[in-house]
Amino acid sequence: MSEYGATVAWHLAPDASFDYENFDRSHEWTFAGGEVVQASASPEFFGSANRVNPDEAVIAATASCHMLTFLSIAAKQHLKVLSYVDRPQGVVEKNEDGRMAITRIELRPRVVFETDPEPAALKKLHDAAHRNCFVANSLRAEVVVQPDD
């Protein structure tokens, strides 16, 4: 078992208003290694487009987990990966309960190998990475892998 945490901190500026449409949603995520991420709500919810929002972070974390799992499996199979680039997309909308949720995350990995595996072998790699990605396994959203061949 592993445990992870972070500090998420927000403070109201002196003399700032605190009404729904105008309060500043800017805040920071600080991780154990000292990395600080400037975060906010998404612009649709009165946040800043210049900061990471939680929805983007979930989508990026899902893609990152899939990638790291994929690379580990490929390395164990002695398949040398030269590059891996993903441009994941997520959909935030009302779910079946009528609540706002990330309902779908589409991963679009483009993987370059030293020697290309057969298409069926590549599919098996992605399927295994998807099955073993603990971030994707933790989500209710549909996670789809559409390799960019």
N, C-alpha and C. Protein backbone atom coordinates (compact mmCIF):
# COMPACT_ATOMS: atom_id res chain seq x y z
N MET A 1 0.84 -1.19 0.00
CA MET A 1 0.00 0.00 0.00
C MET A 1 0.88 1.24 0.00
N SER A 2 0.43 2.26 -0.67
CA SER A 2 1.11 3.56 -0.69
C SER A 2 0.10 4.63 -0.33
N GLU A 3 0.58 5.68 0.26
CA GLU A 3 -0.28 6.83 0.57
C GLU A 3 0.36 8.07 0.01
N TYR A 4 -0.45 8.96 -0.51
CA TYR A 4 0.03 10.19 -1.11
C TYR A 4 -0.81 11.35 -0.61
N GLY A 5 -0.24 12.52 -0.62
CA GLY A 5 -0.98 13.70 -0.19
C GLY A 5 -0.41 14.95 -0.81
N ALA A 6 -1.06 16.03 -0.55
CA ALA A 6 -0.63 17.34 -1.03
C ALA A 6 -1.26 18.37 -0.10
N THR A 7 -0.79 19.59 -0.21
CA THR A 7 -1.44 20.70 0.49
C THR A 7 -2.12 21.54 -0.57
N VAL A 8 -3.40 21.79 -0.37
CA VAL A 8 -4.17 22.65 -1.26
C VAL A 8 -4.55 23.86 -0.42
N ALA A 9 -4.08 25.04 -0.83
CA ALA A 9 -4.28 26.24 0.00
C ALA A 9 -4.88 27.39 -0.80
N TRP A 10 -5.88 28.03 -0.21
CA TRP A 10 -6.53 29.21 -0.76
C TRP A 10 -6.72 30.19 0.38
N HIS A 11 -6.56 31.47 0.10
CA HIS A 11 -6.77 32.50 1.11
C HIS A 11 -7.49 33.68 0.47
N LEU A 12 -8.41 34.24 1.19
CA LEU A 12 -9.10 35.44 0.73
C LEU A 12 -8.18 36.63 0.95
N ALA A 13 -7.96 37.40 -0.10
CA ALA A 13 -7.11 38.59 0.02
C ALA A 13 -7.80 39.63 0.91
N PRO A 14 -7.00 40.39 1.65
CA PRO A 14 -7.60 41.43 2.50
C PRO A 14 -8.47 42.37 1.67
N ASP A 15 -9.60 42.70 2.20
CA ASP A 15 -10.55 43.62 1.57
C ASP A 15 -11.14 43.10 0.26
N ALA A 16 -10.95 41.82 -0.06
CA ALA A 16 -11.52 41.26 -1.29
C ALA A 16 -12.98 40.86 -1.05
N SER A 17 -13.76 40.90 -2.10
CA SER A 17 -15.16 40.48 -1.97
C SER A 17 -15.23 38.96 -1.94
N PHE A 18 -16.28 38.47 -1.35
CA PHE A 18 -16.49 37.02 -1.31
C PHE A 18 -17.93 36.73 -1.70
N ASP A 19 -18.24 37.02 -2.95
CA ASP A 19 -19.53 36.62 -3.51
C ASP A 19 -19.26 35.65 -4.65
N TYR A 20 -20.25 34.84 -4.99
CA TYR A 20 -20.05 33.72 -5.89
C TYR A 20 -19.36 34.08 -7.20
N GLU A 21 -19.80 35.12 -7.86
CA GLU A 21 -19.26 35.42 -9.18
C GLU A 21 -17.92 36.14 -9.15
N ASN A 22 -17.50 36.67 -8.00
CA ASN A 22 -16.31 37.51 -7.99
C ASN A 22 -15.16 37.05 -7.10
N PHE A 23 -15.35 36.06 -6.23
CA PHE A 23 -14.21 35.71 -5.39
C PHE A 23 -13.13 35.04 -6.22
N ASP A 24 -11.89 35.30 -5.83
CA ASP A 24 -10.74 34.78 -6.57
C ASP A 24 -10.58 33.29 -6.28
N ARG A 25 -10.60 32.49 -7.32
CA ARG A 25 -10.48 31.04 -7.17
C ARG A 25 -9.03 30.55 -7.28
N SER A 26 -8.09 31.45 -7.41
CA SER A 26 -6.67 31.08 -7.51
C SER A 26 -6.21 30.46 -6.19
N HIS A 27 -5.47 29.37 -6.32
CA HIS A 27 -4.94 28.67 -5.15
C HIS A 27 -3.70 27.89 -5.55
N GLU A 28 -3.07 27.22 -4.60
CA GLU A 28 -1.85 26.46 -4.88
C GLU A 28 -1.96 25.04 -4.39
N TRP A 29 -1.34 24.14 -5.17
CA TRP A 29 -1.16 22.75 -4.75
C TRP A 29 0.32 22.58 -4.46
N THR A 30 0.66 22.14 -3.28
CA THR A 30 2.06 21.90 -2.94
C THR A 30 2.23 20.42 -2.65
N PHE A 31 3.20 19.81 -3.32
CA PHE A 31 3.44 18.38 -3.19
C PHE A 31 4.64 18.10 -2.31
N ALA A 32 4.76 16.87 -1.85
CA ALA A 32 5.80 16.49 -0.89
C ALA A 32 7.21 16.84 -1.35
N GLY A 33 7.48 16.76 -2.63
CA GLY A 33 8.80 17.07 -3.15
C GLY A 33 9.08 18.56 -3.26
N GLY A 34 8.08 19.38 -2.92
CA GLY A 34 8.24 20.82 -2.97
C GLY A 34 7.67 21.48 -4.21
N GLU A 35 7.23 20.70 -5.17
CA GLU A 35 6.64 21.26 -6.39
C GLU A 35 5.36 22.01 -6.05
N VAL A 36 5.22 23.22 -6.57
CA VAL A 36 4.02 24.03 -6.35
C VAL A 36 3.34 24.25 -7.70
N VAL A 37 2.07 23.94 -7.76
CA VAL A 37 1.29 24.13 -8.98
C VAL A 37 0.27 25.24 -8.72
N GLN A 38 0.26 26.22 -9.61
CA GLN A 38 -0.71 27.30 -9.52
C GLN A 38 -2.02 26.79 -10.12
N ALA A 39 -3.07 26.79 -9.33
CA ALA A 39 -4.35 26.21 -9.76
C ALA A 39 -5.49 27.21 -9.62
N SER A 40 -6.59 26.89 -10.24
CA SER A 40 -7.79 27.71 -10.19
C SER A 40 -8.96 26.86 -10.65
N ALA A 41 -10.13 27.42 -10.57
CA ALA A 41 -11.29 26.78 -11.19
C ALA A 41 -11.16 26.96 -12.70
N SER A 42 -11.93 26.22 -13.46
CA SER A 42 -11.92 26.42 -14.92
C SER A 42 -12.58 27.76 -15.23
N PRO A 43 -12.28 28.35 -16.38
CA PRO A 43 -12.87 29.65 -16.73
C PRO A 43 -14.41 29.62 -16.73
N GLU A 44 -14.98 28.46 -17.06
CA GLU A 44 -16.44 28.35 -17.08
C GLU A 44 -17.04 28.53 -15.69
N PHE A 45 -16.21 28.37 -14.67
CA PHE A 45 -16.66 28.51 -13.29
C PHE A 45 -15.89 29.64 -12.60
N PHE A 46 -15.66 30.72 -13.37
CA PHE A 46 -15.07 31.96 -12.87
C PHE A 46 -13.62 31.82 -12.44
N GLY A 47 -12.91 30.85 -13.01
CA GLY A 47 -11.50 30.67 -12.69
C GLY A 47 -10.60 31.29 -13.74
N SER A 48 -9.32 31.07 -13.57
CA SER A 48 -8.31 31.62 -14.46
C SER A 48 -7.87 30.59 -15.50
N ALA A 49 -7.85 31.00 -16.75
CA ALA A 49 -7.37 30.13 -17.83
C ALA A 49 -5.86 29.97 -17.78
N ASN A 50 -5.17 30.79 -17.01
CA ASN A 50 -3.71 30.75 -16.92
C ASN A 50 -3.20 29.79 -15.85
N ARG A 51 -4.09 29.09 -15.18
CA ARG A 51 -3.70 28.14 -14.14
C ARG A 51 -4.32 26.78 -14.44
N VAL A 52 -3.76 25.75 -13.86
CA VAL A 52 -4.28 24.39 -14.02
C VAL A 52 -5.59 24.30 -13.23
N ASN A 53 -6.60 23.68 -13.84
CA ASN A 53 -7.83 23.46 -13.08
C ASN A 53 -7.95 21.97 -12.73
N PRO A 54 -8.74 21.64 -11.73
CA PRO A 54 -8.83 20.24 -11.29
C PRO A 54 -9.25 19.27 -12.40
N ASP A 55 -10.09 19.71 -13.32
CA ASP A 55 -10.53 18.83 -14.40
C ASP A 55 -9.35 18.47 -15.30
N GLU A 56 -8.56 19.48 -15.67
CA GLU A 56 -7.36 19.23 -16.47
C GLU A 56 -6.39 18.31 -15.74
N ALA A 57 -6.28 18.51 -14.44
CA ALA A 57 -5.34 17.71 -13.65
C ALA A 57 -5.75 16.24 -13.63
N VAL A 58 -7.04 15.96 -13.51
CA VAL A 58 -7.51 14.56 -13.53
C VAL A 58 -7.23 13.94 -14.89
N ILE A 59 -7.49 14.68 -15.94
CA ILE A 59 -7.26 14.17 -17.30
C ILE A 59 -5.76 13.92 -17.52
N ALA A 60 -4.93 14.88 -17.11
CA ALA A 60 -3.48 14.71 -17.26
C ALA A 60 -2.97 13.56 -16.40
N ALA A 61 -3.48 13.42 -15.18
CA ALA A 61 -3.05 12.33 -14.30
C ALA A 61 -3.42 10.98 -14.89
N THR A 62 -4.58 10.89 -15.51
CA THR A 62 -5.00 9.64 -16.14
C THR A 62 -4.07 9.29 -17.30
N ALA A 63 -3.77 10.28 -18.14
CA ALA A 63 -2.87 10.04 -19.28
C ALA A 63 -1.46 9.69 -18.80
N SER A 64 -1.00 10.37 -17.76
CA SER A 64 0.33 10.12 -17.21
C SER A 64 0.43 8.71 -16.64
N CYS A 65 -0.59 8.29 -15.91
CA CYS A 65 -0.60 6.94 -15.33
C CYS A 65 -0.60 5.89 -16.43
N HIS A 66 -1.43 6.08 -17.45
CA HIS A 66 -1.46 5.13 -18.57
C HIS A 66 -0.09 5.06 -19.23
N MET A 67 0.52 6.23 -19.48
CA MET A 67 1.83 6.27 -20.12
C MET A 67 2.88 5.53 -19.30
N LEU A 68 2.96 5.83 -18.01
CA LEU A 68 3.97 5.21 -17.16
C LEU A 68 3.76 3.70 -17.06
N THR A 69 2.51 3.27 -17.01
CA THR A 69 2.21 1.83 -16.98
C THR A 69 2.60 1.20 -18.31
N PHE A 70 2.26 1.86 -19.42
CA PHE A 70 2.61 1.38 -20.76
C PHE A 70 4.12 1.24 -20.89
N LEU A 71 4.87 2.27 -20.49
CA LEU A 71 6.33 2.24 -20.60
C LEU A 71 6.93 1.12 -19.76
N SER A 72 6.38 0.89 -18.58
CA SER A 72 6.87 -0.19 -17.72
C SER A 72 6.65 -1.56 -18.37
N ILE A 73 5.48 -1.75 -18.94
CA ILE A 73 5.17 -3.03 -19.59
C ILE A 73 6.08 -3.22 -20.81
N ALA A 74 6.23 -2.16 -21.60
CA ALA A 74 7.09 -2.24 -22.79
C ALA A 74 8.53 -2.57 -22.38
N ALA A 75 9.03 -1.92 -21.33
CA ALA A 75 10.40 -2.18 -20.88
C ALA A 75 10.56 -3.63 -20.42
N LYS A 76 9.57 -4.15 -19.72
CA LYS A 76 9.64 -5.55 -19.26
C LYS A 76 9.64 -6.51 -20.45
N GLN A 77 9.02 -6.10 -21.56
CA GLN A 77 8.98 -6.94 -22.76
C GLN A 77 10.13 -6.61 -23.71
N HIS A 78 11.06 -5.79 -23.27
CA HIS A 78 12.24 -5.42 -24.07
C HIS A 78 11.86 -4.75 -25.38
N LEU A 79 10.77 -3.95 -25.35
CA LEU A 79 10.35 -3.17 -26.51
C LEU A 79 10.79 -1.74 -26.26
N LYS A 80 11.82 -1.29 -26.94
CA LYS A 80 12.40 0.02 -26.68
C LYS A 80 11.52 1.14 -27.25
N VAL A 81 11.02 1.98 -26.33
CA VAL A 81 10.19 3.12 -26.72
C VAL A 81 11.10 4.34 -26.84
N LEU A 82 11.00 5.03 -27.98
CA LEU A 82 11.80 6.23 -28.20
C LEU A 82 11.07 7.50 -27.80
N SER A 83 9.76 7.51 -27.96
CA SER A 83 8.97 8.66 -27.51
C SER A 83 7.51 8.24 -27.32
N TYR A 84 6.86 8.99 -26.48
CA TYR A 84 5.44 8.76 -26.18
C TYR A 84 4.84 10.14 -25.95
N VAL A 85 3.90 10.52 -26.78
CA VAL A 85 3.23 11.82 -26.66
C VAL A 85 1.73 11.57 -26.66
N ASP A 86 1.05 12.15 -25.69
CA ASP A 86 -0.40 12.02 -25.63
C ASP A 86 -1.01 13.41 -25.53
N ARG A 87 -2.14 13.58 -26.14
CA ARG A 87 -2.91 14.81 -26.04
C ARG A 87 -4.33 14.42 -25.64
N PRO A 88 -4.49 14.06 -24.36
CA PRO A 88 -5.80 13.56 -23.92
C PRO A 88 -6.86 14.66 -23.92
N GLN A 89 -8.09 14.24 -24.06
CA GLN A 89 -9.23 15.14 -24.00
C GLN A 89 -10.24 14.55 -23.03
N GLY A 90 -10.88 15.42 -22.28
CA GLY A 90 -11.91 14.97 -21.35
C GLY A 90 -13.18 15.76 -21.56
N VAL A 91 -14.29 15.16 -21.18
CA VAL A 91 -15.59 15.80 -21.29
C VAL A 91 -16.16 15.98 -19.89
N VAL A 92 -16.53 17.23 -19.58
CA VAL A 92 -17.22 17.52 -18.33
C VAL A 92 -18.65 17.88 -18.70
N GLU A 93 -19.58 17.13 -18.14
CA GLU A 93 -21.00 17.34 -18.42
C GLU A 93 -21.80 16.72 -17.29
N LYS A 94 -23.11 16.83 -17.38
CA LYS A 94 -23.95 16.19 -16.37
C LYS A 94 -23.92 14.67 -16.59
N ASN A 95 -23.74 13.95 -15.48
CA ASN A 95 -23.74 12.49 -15.57
C ASN A 95 -25.17 11.96 -15.45
N GLU A 96 -25.29 10.64 -15.35
CA GLU A 96 -26.62 10.02 -15.31
C GLU A 96 -27.42 10.42 -14.06
N ASP A 97 -26.74 10.93 -13.04
CA ASP A 97 -27.41 11.41 -11.83
C ASP A 97 -27.73 12.90 -11.90
N GLY A 98 -27.40 13.53 -13.03
CA GLY A 98 -27.65 14.95 -13.20
C GLY A 98 -26.61 15.84 -12.54
N ARG A 99 -25.47 15.26 -12.15
CA ARG A 99 -24.39 16.03 -11.52
C ARG A 99 -23.26 16.25 -12.51
N MET A 100 -22.58 17.39 -12.37
CA MET A 100 -21.44 17.67 -13.22
C MET A 100 -20.32 16.69 -12.89
N ALA A 101 -19.72 16.11 -13.92
CA ALA A 101 -18.68 15.11 -13.74
C ALA A 101 -17.83 15.02 -14.99
N ILE A 102 -16.62 14.50 -14.83
CA ILE A 102 -15.83 14.12 -16.00
C ILE A 102 -16.41 12.78 -16.41
N THR A 103 -17.06 12.74 -17.56
CA THR A 103 -17.76 11.53 -17.97
C THR A 103 -16.97 10.67 -18.95
N ARG A 104 -15.98 11.28 -19.59
CA ARG A 104 -15.21 10.53 -20.58
C ARG A 104 -13.83 11.16 -20.70
N ILE A 105 -12.83 10.31 -20.76
CA ILE A 105 -11.46 10.74 -21.01
C ILE A 105 -10.95 9.93 -22.18
N GLU A 106 -10.51 10.62 -23.21
CA GLU A 106 -9.97 9.92 -24.38
C GLU A 106 -8.46 10.16 -24.42
N LEU A 107 -7.72 9.07 -24.34
CA LEU A 107 -6.27 9.13 -24.46
C LEU A 107 -5.92 8.92 -25.91
N ARG A 108 -4.95 9.70 -26.39
CA ARG A 108 -4.55 9.64 -27.79
C ARG A 108 -3.04 9.50 -27.91
N PRO A 109 -2.50 8.41 -27.37
CA PRO A 109 -1.05 8.28 -27.37
C PRO A 109 -0.47 8.03 -28.75
N ARG A 110 0.65 8.67 -28.98
CA ARG A 110 1.45 8.42 -30.18
C ARG A 110 2.78 7.89 -29.68
N VAL A 111 3.05 6.63 -29.97
CA VAL A 111 4.24 5.96 -29.45
C VAL A 111 5.17 5.62 -30.61
N VAL A 112 6.44 5.95 -30.42
CA VAL A 112 7.45 5.61 -31.41
C VAL A 112 8.40 4.61 -30.75
N PHE A 113 8.56 3.48 -31.40
CA PHE A 113 9.45 2.41 -30.92
C PHE A 113 10.70 2.36 -31.78
N GLU A 114 11.73 1.76 -31.23
CA GLU A 114 12.93 1.50 -32.02
C GLU A 114 12.58 0.54 -33.15
N THR A 115 11.80 -0.49 -32.82
CA THR A 115 11.28 -1.44 -33.81
C THR A 115 9.78 -1.57 -33.55
N ASP A 116 8.99 -1.20 -34.55
CA ASP A 116 7.54 -1.19 -34.36
C ASP A 116 6.99 -2.60 -34.10
N PRO A 117 6.17 -2.74 -33.05
CA PRO A 117 5.50 -4.02 -32.83
C PRO A 117 4.33 -4.17 -33.81
N GLU A 118 3.85 -5.37 -33.95
CA GLU A 118 2.67 -5.61 -34.78
C GLU A 118 1.49 -4.85 -34.16
N PRO A 119 0.51 -4.43 -34.97
CA PRO A 119 -0.66 -3.71 -34.44
C PRO A 119 -1.36 -4.46 -33.31
N ALA A 120 -1.48 -5.76 -33.41
CA ALA A 120 -2.15 -6.55 -32.35
C ALA A 120 -1.34 -6.50 -31.05
N ALA A 121 -0.01 -6.53 -31.17
CA ALA A 121 0.85 -6.45 -29.98
C ALA A 121 0.75 -5.07 -29.34
N LEU A 122 0.67 -4.03 -30.16
CA LEU A 122 0.51 -2.67 -29.63
C LEU A 122 -0.81 -2.54 -28.89
N LYS A 123 -1.86 -3.11 -29.47
CA LYS A 123 -3.17 -3.07 -28.80
C LYS A 123 -3.11 -3.79 -27.46
N LYS A 124 -2.43 -4.93 -27.41
CA LYS A 124 -2.29 -5.67 -26.15
C LYS A 124 -1.53 -4.85 -25.11
N LEU A 125 -0.52 -4.11 -25.54
CA LEU A 125 0.22 -3.25 -24.62
C LEU A 125 -0.69 -2.18 -24.02
N HIS A 126 -1.46 -1.52 -24.88
CA HIS A 126 -2.37 -0.49 -24.39
C HIS A 126 -3.46 -1.08 -23.50
N ASP A 127 -3.98 -2.24 -23.89
CA ASP A 127 -5.01 -2.89 -23.06
C ASP A 127 -4.46 -3.22 -21.67
N ALA A 128 -3.25 -3.76 -21.62
CA ALA A 128 -2.62 -4.10 -20.33
C ALA A 128 -2.35 -2.84 -19.52
N ALA A 129 -1.89 -1.77 -20.17
CA ALA A 129 -1.64 -0.51 -19.46
C ALA A 129 -2.95 0.04 -18.90
N HIS A 130 -4.00 -0.03 -19.68
CA HIS A 130 -5.31 0.47 -19.23
C HIS A 130 -5.81 -0.35 -18.03
N ARG A 131 -5.70 -1.65 -18.12
CA ARG A 131 -6.15 -2.54 -17.04
C ARG A 131 -5.39 -2.29 -15.74
N ASN A 132 -4.14 -1.91 -15.86
CA ASN A 132 -3.27 -1.78 -14.68
C ASN A 132 -3.03 -0.34 -14.23
N CYS A 133 -3.63 0.62 -14.88
CA CYS A 133 -3.48 2.03 -14.50
C CYS A 133 -4.40 2.30 -13.32
N PHE A 134 -3.79 2.53 -12.15
CA PHE A 134 -4.62 2.68 -10.95
C PHE A 134 -5.41 3.98 -10.93
N VAL A 135 -4.98 5.00 -11.67
CA VAL A 135 -5.79 6.22 -11.75
C VAL A 135 -7.07 5.92 -12.54
N ALA A 136 -6.93 5.32 -13.72
CA ALA A 136 -8.11 4.97 -14.51
C ALA A 136 -9.02 4.02 -13.73
N ASN A 137 -8.42 3.09 -12.99
CA ASN A 137 -9.21 2.15 -12.20
C ASN A 137 -9.98 2.83 -11.08
N SER A 138 -9.59 4.04 -10.72
CA SER A 138 -10.23 4.76 -9.63
C SER A 138 -11.36 5.68 -10.09
N LEU A 139 -11.52 5.84 -11.38
CA LEU A 139 -12.48 6.80 -11.92
C LEU A 139 -13.79 6.15 -12.33
N ARG A 140 -14.84 6.93 -12.25
CA ARG A 140 -16.13 6.50 -12.78
C ARG A 140 -16.28 6.85 -14.26
N ALA A 141 -15.47 7.80 -14.71
CA ALA A 141 -15.54 8.22 -16.11
C ALA A 141 -15.08 7.10 -17.03
N GLU A 142 -15.63 7.08 -18.21
CA GLU A 142 -15.17 6.14 -19.23
C GLU A 142 -13.81 6.61 -19.72
N VAL A 143 -12.84 5.71 -19.74
CA VAL A 143 -11.51 6.02 -20.25
C VAL A 143 -11.29 5.18 -21.49
N VAL A 144 -11.07 5.86 -22.62
CA VAL A 144 -10.90 5.20 -23.90
C VAL A 144 -9.51 5.49 -24.43
N VAL A 145 -8.85 4.47 -24.93
CA VAL A 145 -7.52 4.64 -25.52
C VAL A 145 -7.66 4.52 -27.03
N GLN A 146 -7.29 5.60 -27.72
CA GLN A 146 -7.32 5.65 -29.18
C GLN A 146 -5.91 5.95 -29.66
N PRO A 147 -5.05 4.92 -29.77
CA PRO A 147 -3.68 5.19 -30.21
C PRO A 147 -3.66 5.91 -31.55
N ASP A 148 -2.76 6.86 -31.65
CA ASP A 148 -2.57 7.63 -32.87
C ASP A 148 -1.52 6.90 -33.71
N ASP A 149 -1.99 6.03 -34.57
CA ASP A 149 -1.07 5.19 -35.35
C ASP A 149 -0.34 5.96 -36.39
